[in-house]
């Protein structure tokens, strides 16, 4: 279970400014967040951050990947029935879809 800020789609990975170290990002206030996008899942390991996002207006799902070491990132659309596979294996999913990353 992840702890977040109710109604904002943010997760416990963000810290308040007074306790955030340089390795943590501080979340924007609720009034500055994109109200059309909801974070469905988030994971971080070995410097790679992977986020599964739902875009309410379009109904589209995307997986966003950021590599902190290289600064590289990409986001790719995913089908609803493949969303968890893409979330758990984003590089393999991107390669199978022919996406450059």
N, C-alpha and C. Protein backbone atom coordinates (compact mmCIF):
# COMPACT_ATOMS: atom_id res chain seq x y z
N UNK A 1 0.84 -1.18 0.00
CA UNK A 1 0.00 0.00 0.00
C UNK A 1 0.88 1.23 0.00
N UNK A 2 0.50 2.22 -0.81
CA UNK A 2 1.25 3.47 -0.87
C UNK A 2 0.44 4.56 -0.21
N UNK A 3 1.11 5.42 0.49
CA UNK A 3 0.47 6.55 1.14
C UNK A 3 0.64 7.76 0.23
N UNK A 4 -0.41 8.51 0.04
CA UNK A 4 -0.33 9.69 -0.81
C UNK A 4 -1.14 10.83 -0.24
N UNK A 5 -1.30 11.84 -1.01
CA UNK A 5 -2.09 13.00 -0.62
C UNK A 5 -3.45 12.85 -1.28
N UNK A 6 -4.53 12.68 -0.50
CA UNK A 6 -5.85 12.40 -1.05
C UNK A 6 -6.28 13.39 -2.12
N UNK A 7 -6.79 12.84 -3.22
CA UNK A 7 -7.34 13.67 -4.28
C UNK A 7 -6.33 14.31 -5.20
N UNK A 8 -5.05 14.10 -4.97
CA UNK A 8 -4.06 14.77 -5.82
C UNK A 8 -3.36 13.82 -6.76
N UNK A 9 -3.47 12.51 -6.53
CA UNK A 9 -2.78 11.56 -7.38
C UNK A 9 -1.29 11.47 -7.09
N UNK A 10 -0.83 12.15 -6.04
CA UNK A 10 0.58 12.05 -5.69
C UNK A 10 0.78 10.92 -4.71
N UNK A 11 1.98 10.43 -4.64
CA UNK A 11 2.27 9.30 -3.76
C UNK A 11 3.29 9.69 -2.73
N UNK A 12 3.53 8.79 -1.80
CA UNK A 12 4.44 9.04 -0.70
C UNK A 12 5.88 9.27 -1.11
N UNK A 13 6.22 9.18 -2.37
CA UNK A 13 7.60 9.38 -2.80
C UNK A 13 7.99 10.85 -2.69
N UNK A 14 7.03 11.73 -2.54
CA UNK A 14 7.29 13.15 -2.41
C UNK A 14 7.34 13.54 -0.94
N UNK A 15 8.20 14.48 -0.59
CA UNK A 15 8.32 14.91 0.79
C UNK A 15 8.02 16.40 0.92
N UNK A 16 7.62 16.79 2.12
CA UNK A 16 7.40 18.20 2.40
C UNK A 16 8.72 18.95 2.20
N UNK A 17 8.68 20.23 1.79
CA UNK A 17 9.90 20.99 1.54
C UNK A 17 10.86 21.00 2.71
N UNK A 18 10.34 21.03 3.95
CA UNK A 18 11.22 21.13 5.10
C UNK A 18 11.98 19.83 5.40
N UNK A 19 11.53 18.69 4.82
CA UNK A 19 12.25 17.44 5.05
C UNK A 19 12.83 16.84 3.78
N UNK A 20 12.58 17.45 2.66
CA UNK A 20 13.06 16.92 1.38
C UNK A 20 14.56 17.16 1.23
N UNK A 21 15.25 16.09 0.90
CA UNK A 21 16.67 16.20 0.60
C UNK A 21 16.85 16.44 -0.90
N UNK A 22 18.07 16.62 -1.35
CA UNK A 22 18.28 16.88 -2.77
C UNK A 22 17.86 15.72 -3.67
N UNK A 23 17.79 14.50 -3.13
CA UNK A 23 17.41 13.36 -3.94
C UNK A 23 15.90 13.19 -4.06
N UNK A 24 15.11 14.02 -3.36
CA UNK A 24 13.66 13.94 -3.41
C UNK A 24 13.09 15.18 -4.08
N UNK A 25 12.03 14.96 -4.82
CA UNK A 25 11.36 16.10 -5.41
C UNK A 25 10.20 16.53 -4.52
N UNK A 26 9.87 17.77 -4.55
CA UNK A 26 8.78 18.31 -3.75
C UNK A 26 7.57 18.44 -4.66
N UNK A 27 6.41 17.92 -4.25
CA UNK A 27 5.25 17.95 -5.14
C UNK A 27 4.71 19.36 -5.31
N UNK A 28 4.14 19.62 -6.48
CA UNK A 28 3.47 20.90 -6.65
C UNK A 28 2.20 20.90 -5.82
N UNK A 29 1.70 22.08 -5.52
CA UNK A 29 0.44 22.18 -4.78
C UNK A 29 -0.70 21.62 -5.60
N UNK A 30 -1.79 21.21 -4.95
CA UNK A 30 -2.92 20.63 -5.67
C UNK A 30 -3.47 21.51 -6.77
N UNK A 31 -3.40 22.84 -6.60
CA UNK A 31 -3.92 23.73 -7.61
C UNK A 31 -3.02 23.79 -8.84
N UNK A 32 -1.77 23.32 -8.75
CA UNK A 32 -0.85 23.36 -9.88
C UNK A 32 -0.73 22.01 -10.58
N UNK A 33 -1.33 20.96 -10.04
CA UNK A 33 -1.21 19.64 -10.64
C UNK A 33 -2.14 19.52 -11.83
N UNK A 34 -1.76 18.68 -12.76
CA UNK A 34 -2.59 18.41 -13.92
C UNK A 34 -3.79 17.57 -13.46
N UNK A 35 -4.94 18.16 -13.42
CA UNK A 35 -6.13 17.48 -12.92
C UNK A 35 -6.64 16.42 -13.89
N UNK A 36 -6.15 16.43 -15.13
CA UNK A 36 -6.57 15.45 -16.12
C UNK A 36 -5.79 14.15 -16.01
N UNK A 37 -4.67 14.15 -15.31
CA UNK A 37 -3.80 12.98 -15.25
C UNK A 37 -3.79 12.39 -13.85
N UNK A 38 -3.99 11.08 -13.77
CA UNK A 38 -3.96 10.37 -12.49
C UNK A 38 -2.82 9.36 -12.52
N UNK A 39 -2.05 9.32 -11.44
CA UNK A 39 -0.99 8.32 -11.29
C UNK A 39 -1.62 7.04 -10.75
N UNK A 40 -1.53 5.97 -11.52
CA UNK A 40 -2.10 4.70 -11.10
C UNK A 40 -1.10 3.82 -10.37
N UNK A 41 0.17 3.92 -10.77
CA UNK A 41 1.20 3.10 -10.13
C UNK A 41 2.55 3.79 -10.31
N UNK A 42 3.42 3.56 -9.35
CA UNK A 42 4.77 4.15 -9.38
C UNK A 42 5.74 3.18 -8.74
N UNK A 43 6.92 3.09 -9.33
CA UNK A 43 7.99 2.31 -8.71
C UNK A 43 9.32 2.94 -9.06
N UNK A 44 10.30 2.70 -8.19
CA UNK A 44 11.64 3.24 -8.41
C UNK A 44 12.64 2.19 -7.94
N UNK A 45 13.68 2.00 -8.73
CA UNK A 45 14.73 1.07 -8.38
C UNK A 45 15.92 1.25 -9.30
N UNK A 46 17.10 1.17 -8.74
CA UNK A 46 18.35 1.28 -9.51
C UNK A 46 18.40 2.57 -10.35
N UNK A 47 17.80 3.64 -9.82
CA UNK A 47 17.84 4.92 -10.52
C UNK A 47 16.82 5.06 -11.64
N UNK A 48 15.95 4.06 -11.81
CA UNK A 48 14.91 4.11 -12.84
C UNK A 48 13.57 4.34 -12.17
N UNK A 49 12.83 5.34 -12.64
CA UNK A 49 11.48 5.61 -12.15
C UNK A 49 10.48 5.26 -13.24
N UNK A 50 9.46 4.50 -12.87
CA UNK A 50 8.43 4.10 -13.83
C UNK A 50 7.08 4.49 -13.25
N UNK A 51 6.27 5.17 -14.05
CA UNK A 51 4.96 5.63 -13.61
C UNK A 51 3.91 5.23 -14.64
N UNK A 52 2.81 4.65 -14.17
CA UNK A 52 1.67 4.35 -15.02
C UNK A 52 0.66 5.47 -14.82
N UNK A 53 0.29 6.13 -15.91
CA UNK A 53 -0.60 7.29 -15.85
C UNK A 53 -1.88 7.05 -16.64
N UNK A 54 -2.97 7.59 -16.13
CA UNK A 54 -4.25 7.57 -16.82
C UNK A 54 -4.64 9.01 -17.12
N UNK A 55 -4.94 9.29 -18.38
CA UNK A 55 -5.35 10.61 -18.82
C UNK A 55 -6.87 10.59 -18.94
N UNK A 56 -7.54 11.23 -17.99
CA UNK A 56 -9.00 11.12 -17.85
C UNK A 56 -9.77 11.55 -19.10
N UNK A 57 -9.42 12.68 -19.68
CA UNK A 57 -10.18 13.21 -20.81
C UNK A 57 -10.13 12.28 -22.00
N UNK A 58 -8.94 11.79 -22.34
CA UNK A 58 -8.79 10.93 -23.51
C UNK A 58 -8.99 9.46 -23.19
N UNK A 59 -8.88 9.10 -21.91
CA UNK A 59 -8.96 7.70 -21.53
C UNK A 59 -7.69 6.92 -21.82
N UNK A 60 -6.67 7.62 -22.29
CA UNK A 60 -5.40 6.98 -22.65
C UNK A 60 -4.58 6.62 -21.42
N UNK A 61 -3.88 5.50 -21.50
CA UNK A 61 -2.91 5.09 -20.49
C UNK A 61 -1.51 5.26 -21.07
N UNK A 62 -0.58 5.74 -20.25
CA UNK A 62 0.80 5.85 -20.69
C UNK A 62 1.72 5.36 -19.58
N UNK A 63 2.89 4.91 -19.98
CA UNK A 63 3.94 4.55 -19.04
C UNK A 63 5.08 5.54 -19.27
N UNK A 64 5.51 6.16 -18.19
CA UNK A 64 6.58 7.14 -18.23
C UNK A 64 7.80 6.54 -17.53
N UNK A 65 8.97 6.62 -18.18
CA UNK A 65 10.20 6.06 -17.63
C UNK A 65 11.27 7.14 -17.60
N UNK A 66 11.94 7.28 -16.46
CA UNK A 66 13.04 8.23 -16.32
C UNK A 66 14.24 7.52 -15.71
N UNK A 67 15.39 7.69 -16.36
CA UNK A 67 16.66 7.14 -15.86
C UNK A 67 17.43 8.30 -15.24
N UNK A 68 17.53 8.31 -13.90
CA UNK A 68 18.18 9.41 -13.20
C UNK A 68 19.66 9.51 -13.54
N UNK A 69 20.32 8.39 -13.78
CA UNK A 69 21.76 8.39 -14.06
C UNK A 69 22.08 9.07 -15.38
N UNK A 70 21.31 8.77 -16.41
CA UNK A 70 21.60 9.34 -17.73
C UNK A 70 20.76 10.58 -18.03
N UNK A 71 19.67 10.76 -17.30
CA UNK A 71 18.77 11.87 -17.57
C UNK A 71 17.81 11.57 -18.71
N UNK A 72 17.90 10.38 -19.29
CA UNK A 72 17.02 10.00 -20.39
C UNK A 72 15.63 9.66 -19.87
N UNK A 73 14.63 9.92 -20.68
CA UNK A 73 13.27 9.57 -20.30
C UNK A 73 12.44 9.34 -21.57
N UNK A 74 11.37 8.59 -21.41
CA UNK A 74 10.42 8.41 -22.50
C UNK A 74 9.06 8.09 -21.92
N UNK A 75 8.04 8.31 -22.73
CA UNK A 75 6.67 8.01 -22.35
C UNK A 75 6.02 7.34 -23.55
N UNK A 76 5.31 6.24 -23.30
CA UNK A 76 4.67 5.56 -24.41
C UNK A 76 3.25 5.19 -24.06
N UNK A 77 2.36 5.27 -25.05
CA UNK A 77 0.98 4.86 -24.82
C UNK A 77 0.90 3.35 -24.69
N UNK A 78 -0.01 2.87 -23.85
CA UNK A 78 -0.19 1.43 -23.66
C UNK A 78 -1.66 1.09 -23.72
N UNK A 79 -1.95 -0.11 -24.21
CA UNK A 79 -3.32 -0.60 -24.22
C UNK A 79 -3.71 -1.01 -22.80
N UNK A 80 -4.99 -0.89 -22.48
CA UNK A 80 -5.46 -1.19 -21.13
C UNK A 80 -5.12 -2.62 -20.71
N UNK A 81 -5.25 -3.57 -21.63
CA UNK A 81 -4.98 -4.96 -21.28
C UNK A 81 -3.49 -5.29 -21.21
N UNK A 82 -2.63 -4.33 -21.57
CA UNK A 82 -1.18 -4.52 -21.50
C UNK A 82 -0.52 -3.55 -20.52
N UNK A 83 -1.31 -2.78 -19.79
CA UNK A 83 -0.77 -1.72 -18.94
C UNK A 83 0.17 -2.24 -17.85
N UNK A 84 -0.21 -3.29 -17.16
CA UNK A 84 0.66 -3.81 -16.10
C UNK A 84 1.93 -4.43 -16.65
N UNK A 85 1.83 -5.12 -17.77
CA UNK A 85 3.03 -5.68 -18.40
C UNK A 85 3.98 -4.55 -18.81
N UNK A 86 3.43 -3.49 -19.37
CA UNK A 86 4.26 -2.35 -19.78
C UNK A 86 4.86 -1.65 -18.56
N UNK A 87 4.11 -1.56 -17.47
CA UNK A 87 4.60 -0.94 -16.24
C UNK A 87 5.75 -1.74 -15.65
N UNK A 88 5.62 -3.06 -15.62
CA UNK A 88 6.66 -3.91 -15.02
C UNK A 88 7.86 -4.13 -15.94
N UNK A 89 7.66 -4.03 -17.25
CA UNK A 89 8.74 -4.28 -18.22
C UNK A 89 8.72 -3.22 -19.31
N UNK A 90 8.93 -1.94 -18.95
CA UNK A 90 8.77 -0.88 -19.94
C UNK A 90 9.75 -0.94 -21.11
N UNK A 91 10.98 -1.35 -20.87
CA UNK A 91 11.95 -1.41 -21.96
C UNK A 91 11.59 -2.53 -22.94
N UNK A 92 11.19 -3.68 -22.42
CA UNK A 92 10.76 -4.78 -23.28
C UNK A 92 9.51 -4.43 -24.05
N UNK A 93 8.56 -3.76 -23.38
CA UNK A 93 7.32 -3.35 -24.04
C UNK A 93 7.62 -2.36 -25.15
N UNK A 94 8.49 -1.38 -24.86
CA UNK A 94 8.83 -0.38 -25.87
C UNK A 94 9.50 -1.05 -27.08
N UNK A 95 10.40 -1.99 -26.83
CA UNK A 95 11.09 -2.68 -27.93
C UNK A 95 10.09 -3.49 -28.76
N UNK A 96 9.15 -4.17 -28.10
CA UNK A 96 8.14 -4.96 -28.82
C UNK A 96 7.24 -4.08 -29.66
N UNK A 97 7.02 -2.85 -29.25
CA UNK A 97 6.18 -1.92 -29.99
C UNK A 97 6.96 -1.19 -31.08
N UNK A 98 8.28 -1.39 -31.11
CA UNK A 98 9.11 -0.72 -32.11
C UNK A 98 9.42 0.73 -31.75
N UNK A 99 9.23 1.07 -30.48
CA UNK A 99 9.48 2.46 -30.04
C UNK A 99 10.96 2.65 -29.74
N UNK A 100 11.49 3.79 -30.13
CA UNK A 100 12.87 4.12 -29.81
C UNK A 100 12.91 4.71 -28.41
N UNK A 101 13.85 4.30 -27.62
CA UNK A 101 13.98 4.84 -26.26
C UNK A 101 15.40 5.10 -25.94
